[in-house]
Amino acid sequence: MIREKNLVHASWLVALVGILTLTLPAVSHTKEFSGVNFADEVTIGQQPCKLVGVGMRKKLVVDVYCGALYMREPTQDPQQVIAAEQPKRVLLHVVYKQVEPNQWVEGWQEGFKKNTPNPDAALKGKIEQFMQCFTEPVRKGQEVQVTYLPDKGTEVMVNKQVKATITGSDFMKALWSIWFGKEPASESLMKGMLGK
């Protein structure tokens, strides 16, 4: 009788270990950063793209948002990140209580001015189209997502709503330069997103 109980107990343990083994990989497919979980891999245009890294955007001493970079072919070279004609994404997860539309627009304007100081007329129009995507506050826990697909352009999503798809690698390079250009919005954010 005791032996039968032991066998039942052993069988139950084997089953439990098997269940845990099946569930553990799902748990390990995220990276936790400052209390926010980021997927290790996402699908962009039916292609798997890996998480390169995550960083924090601060304004003075305040944490504003976590930024994550995903690429089909990851690199830690900021110039290659900008130039790469491949599926890629920057995901901004707001951790501050609320970022107002004018705060987004002012930040983008400053970034474009520093890294793309003399855009031609066509690029100016695309930058203006991008600015018009920010018409409402983005609250804590909400996200801004910019996704580039070479054959489509840059999709801008604010709080899970697609606001625009802006064509051309000229705009993509100008936008990505805000994070990875010679004068990035934040050096520490850039290094974090590059996985450094």
Foldseek 3Di string as FASTA:
>chain_A
DVVVVVVVVVVVVVVVVVVCVVPVVVVPQWDADPNDTDGQWDADPNAIWGWQFKFFDDDPNRTFWIKIKTFNDADLQLVCVLVPQGKMKIKTATADAKDALVNVLVLLVVLLCVFVVDDDPVLVVLSVLVSVLRHGMQGHGWMWMWIQHNVFAIFTDGRNRTSDGRDDSVNSSSRSCCCRNPDHSDPRRNNRNNVD
